[in-house]
């Protein structure tokens, strides 16, 4: 189970917590890999261990050496348990501030 504080997702995988933080650097890495966030979400929904590992590494700023083992750790933890928090993180990248920008209805009664 992941913990979400607006803007970050803490994802436990095999006893280690990975804190995924929405940053421009992570956004660019993910966009460059898949061509956009929606495509990355679809890769995760396809239950790809490789996609989830890449996104966790980008979001948690994991070094290359540790990133090599991440895909196996995700497999061992169960891809289904990791996918939902990773997709939540990708959604946060679309609105990292959490501000609601939808127009409010006028409540003046007129």
C-alpha atoms as a PDB file:
ATOM      1  CA  UNK A   1       0.000   0.000   0.000  1.00  0.00           C
ATOM      2  CA  UNK A   2       1.394   3.396  -0.880  1.00  0.00           C
ATOM      3  CA  UNK A   3       1.056   6.588   1.109  1.00  0.00           C
ATOM      4  CA  UNK A   4       0.236   9.749  -0.811  1.00  0.00           C
ATOM      5  CA  UNK A   5       0.961  13.254   0.539  1.00  0.00           C
ATOM      6  CA  UNK A   6      -0.032  15.695  -2.150  1.00  0.00           C
ATOM      7  CA  UNK A   7       2.799  15.835  -4.613  1.00  0.00           C
ATOM      8  CA  UNK A   8       4.630  12.717  -3.454  1.00  0.00           C
ATOM      9  CA  UNK A   9       3.962   8.996  -3.373  1.00  0.00           C
ATOM     10  CA  UNK A  10       5.843   6.782  -0.921  1.00  0.00           C
ATOM     11  CA  UNK A  11       5.979   3.321  -2.434  1.00  0.00           C
ATOM     12  CA  UNK A  12       7.224   0.395  -0.321  1.00  0.00           C
ATOM     13  CA  UNK A  13       8.846  -2.352  -2.399  1.00  0.00           C
ATOM     14  CA  UNK A  14      10.286  -5.362  -0.586  1.00  0.00           C
ATOM     15  CA  UNK A  15      10.887  -3.461   2.656  1.00  0.00           C
ATOM     16  CA  UNK A  16      12.378  -0.342   1.070  1.00  0.00           C
ATOM     17  CA  UNK A  17      10.451   2.909   0.683  1.00  0.00           C
ATOM     18  CA  UNK A  18      10.828   4.815  -2.587  1.00  0.00           C
ATOM     19  CA  UNK A  19       9.629   8.422  -2.423  1.00  0.00           C
ATOM     20  CA  UNK A  20       8.377   9.476  -5.851  1.00  0.00           C
ATOM     21  CA  UNK A  21       8.456  13.255  -6.150  1.00  0.00           C
ATOM     22  CA  UNK A  22       6.951  15.154  -9.070  1.00  0.00           C
ATOM     23  CA  UNK A  23       9.810  17.108 -10.626  1.00  0.00           C
ATOM     24  CA  UNK A  24      10.347  18.603 -14.051  1.00  0.00           C
ATOM     25  CA  UNK A  25      13.362  16.310 -14.473  1.00  0.00           C
ATOM     26  CA  UNK A  26      11.243  13.185 -13.843  1.00  0.00           C
ATOM     27  CA  UNK A  27       8.495  14.494 -16.127  1.00  0.00           C
ATOM     28  CA  UNK A  28      10.960  15.049 -18.969  1.00  0.00           C
ATOM     29  CA  UNK A  29      12.561  11.612 -18.563  1.00  0.00           C
ATOM     30  CA  UNK A  30       9.182   9.911 -18.661  1.00  0.00           C
ATOM     31  CA  UNK A  31       7.890  12.018 -21.561  1.00  0.00           C
ATOM     32  CA  UNK A  32      11.053  11.361 -23.567  1.00  0.00           C
ATOM     33  CA  UNK A  33      10.733   7.623 -22.973  1.00  0.00           C
ATOM     34  CA  UNK A  34       7.055   7.258 -23.949  1.00  0.00           C
ATOM     35  CA  UNK A  35       6.155  10.469 -25.752  1.00  0.00           C
ATOM     36  CA  UNK A  36       3.816  11.609 -22.984  1.00  0.00           C
ATOM     37  CA  UNK A  37       2.365  10.849 -19.578  1.00  0.00           C
ATOM     38  CA  UNK A  38      -0.751   9.158 -20.959  1.00  0.00           C
ATOM     39  CA  UNK A  39       1.417   6.694 -22.886  1.00  0.00           C
ATOM     40  CA  UNK A  40       3.415   5.972 -19.713  1.00  0.00           C
ATOM     41  CA  UNK A  41       0.151   5.340 -17.835  1.00  0.00           C
ATOM     42  CA  UNK A  42      -0.889   2.884 -20.551  1.00  0.00           C
ATOM     43  CA  UNK A  43       2.468   1.090 -20.276  1.00  0.00           C
ATOM     44  CA  UNK A  44       1.874   0.673 -16.543  1.00  0.00           C
ATOM     45  CA  UNK A  45      -1.700  -0.449 -17.038  1.00  0.00           C
ATOM     46  CA  UNK A  46      -0.246  -3.125 -19.313  1.00  0.00           C
ATOM     47  CA  UNK A  47       1.521  -4.394 -16.161  1.00  0.00           C
ATOM     48  CA  UNK A  48       5.026  -3.799 -17.491  1.00  0.00           C
ATOM     49  CA  UNK A  49       7.695  -4.345 -14.841  1.00  0.00           C
ATOM     50  CA  UNK A  50      10.150  -2.449 -17.036  1.00  0.00           C
ATOM     51  CA  UNK A  51       7.863   0.583 -17.316  1.00  0.00           C
ATOM     52  CA  UNK A  52       7.147   0.682 -13.592  1.00  0.00           C
ATOM     53  CA  UNK A  53      10.854   0.308 -12.764  1.00  0.00           C
ATOM     54  CA  UNK A  54      11.795   3.164 -15.088  1.00  0.00           C
ATOM     55  CA  UNK A  55       9.135   5.467 -13.610  1.00  0.00           C
ATOM     56  CA  UNK A  56      10.038   4.603 -10.004  1.00  0.00           C
ATOM     57  CA  UNK A  57      13.716   5.237 -10.782  1.00  0.00           C
ATOM     58  CA  UNK A  58      12.903   8.609 -12.394  1.00  0.00           C
ATOM     59  CA  UNK A  59      10.544   9.685  -9.622  1.00  0.00           C
ATOM     60  CA  UNK A  60      12.770   8.567  -6.753  1.00  0.00           C
ATOM     61  CA  UNK A  61      16.017   9.731  -8.398  1.00  0.00           C
ATOM     62  CA  UNK A  62      17.462   6.247  -8.138  1.00  0.00           C
ATOM     63  CA  UNK A  63      20.988   5.807  -9.461  1.00  0.00           C
ATOM     64  CA  UNK A  64      21.755   3.512 -12.392  1.00  0.00           C
ATOM     65  CA  UNK A  65      23.265   0.791 -10.225  1.00  0.00           C
ATOM     66  CA  UNK A  66      20.189   0.529  -7.990  1.00  0.00           C
ATOM     67  CA  UNK A  67      17.821   0.934 -10.947  1.00  0.00           C
ATOM     68  CA  UNK A  68      19.170  -2.297 -12.473  1.00  0.00           C
ATOM     69  CA  UNK A  69      17.775  -4.286  -9.532  1.00  0.00           C
ATOM     70  CA  UNK A  70      14.492  -2.369  -9.342  1.00  0.00           C
ATOM     71  CA  UNK A  71      12.668  -4.357 -12.019  1.00  0.00           C
ATOM     72  CA  UNK A  72      13.391  -7.624 -10.181  1.00  0.00           C
ATOM     73  CA  UNK A  73      12.277  -6.070  -6.881  1.00  0.00           C
ATOM     74  CA  UNK A  74       9.007  -4.979  -8.501  1.00  0.00           C
ATOM     75  CA  UNK A  75       8.493  -8.465  -9.913  1.00  0.00           C
ATOM     76  CA  UNK A  76       9.173 -10.015  -6.496  1.00  0.00           C
ATOM     77  CA  UNK A  77       6.768  -7.580  -4.773  1.00  0.00           C
ATOM     78  CA  UNK A  78       4.086  -8.220  -7.380  1.00  0.00           C
ATOM     79  CA  UNK A  79       3.533  -5.924 -10.335  1.00  0.00           C
ATOM     80  CA  UNK A  80      -0.155  -5.555  -9.472  1.00  0.00           C
ATOM     81  CA  UNK A  81       0.687  -4.036  -6.068  1.00  0.00           C
ATOM     82  CA  UNK A  82       3.114  -1.537  -7.590  1.00  0.00           C
ATOM     83  CA  UNK A  83       1.115  -0.439 -10.635  1.00  0.00           C
ATOM     84  CA  UNK A  84      -1.639   1.580  -8.912  1.00  0.00           C
ATOM     85  CA  UNK A  85       0.730   3.831  -6.903  1.00  0.00           C
ATOM     86  CA  UNK A  86       2.921   4.368  -9.980  1.00  0.00           C
ATOM     87  CA  UNK A  87      -0.123   5.431 -12.015  1.00  0.00           C
ATOM     88  CA  UNK A  88      -1.125   7.746  -9.136  1.00  0.00           C
ATOM     89  CA  UNK A  89       2.343   9.311  -9.318  1.00  0.00           C
ATOM     90  CA  UNK A  90       2.027   9.816 -13.070  1.00  0.00           C
ATOM     91  CA  UNK A  91      -1.309  11.550 -12.491  1.00  0.00           C
ATOM     92  CA  UNK A  92       0.356  13.855  -9.966  1.00  0.00           C
ATOM     93  CA  UNK A  93       2.897  14.848 -12.607  1.00  0.00           C
ATOM     94  CA  UNK A  94       0.003  16.316 -14.604  1.00  0.00           C
ATOM     95  CA  UNK A  95      -0.915  18.639 -11.707  1.00  0.00           C
ATOM     96  CA  UNK A  96       1.992  18.778  -9.243  1.00  0.00           C
ATOM     97  CA  UNK A  97       0.617  21.725  -7.250  1.00  0.00           C
ATOM     98  CA  UNK A  98      -2.718  20.128  -6.472  1.00  0.00           C
ATOM     99  CA  UNK A  99      -4.583  23.351  -7.204  1.00  0.00           C
ATOM    100  CA  UNK A 100      -8.034  22.939  -8.649  1.00  0.00           C
ATOM    101  CA  UNK A 101      -8.230  25.051 -11.790  1.00  0.00           C
ATOM    102  CA  UNK A 102     -11.815  24.238 -12.716  1.00  0.00           C
ATOM    103  CA  UNK A 103     -14.144  27.258 -12.732  1.00  0.00           C
ATOM    104  CA  UNK A 104     -16.416  27.506  -9.708  1.00  0.00           C
ATOM    105  CA  UNK A 105     -20.179  27.907 -10.116  1.00  0.00           C
ATOM    106  CA  UNK A 106     -21.566  31.250  -8.998  1.00  0.00           C
ATOM    107  CA  UNK A 107     -23.283  30.692  -5.638  1.00  0.00           C
ATOM    108  CA  UNK A 108     -24.891  34.150  -5.465  1.00  0.00           C
ATOM    109  CA  UNK A 109     -28.334  32.756  -6.337  1.00  0.00           C
ATOM    110  CA  UNK A 110     -28.776  34.816  -9.494  1.00  0.00           C
END
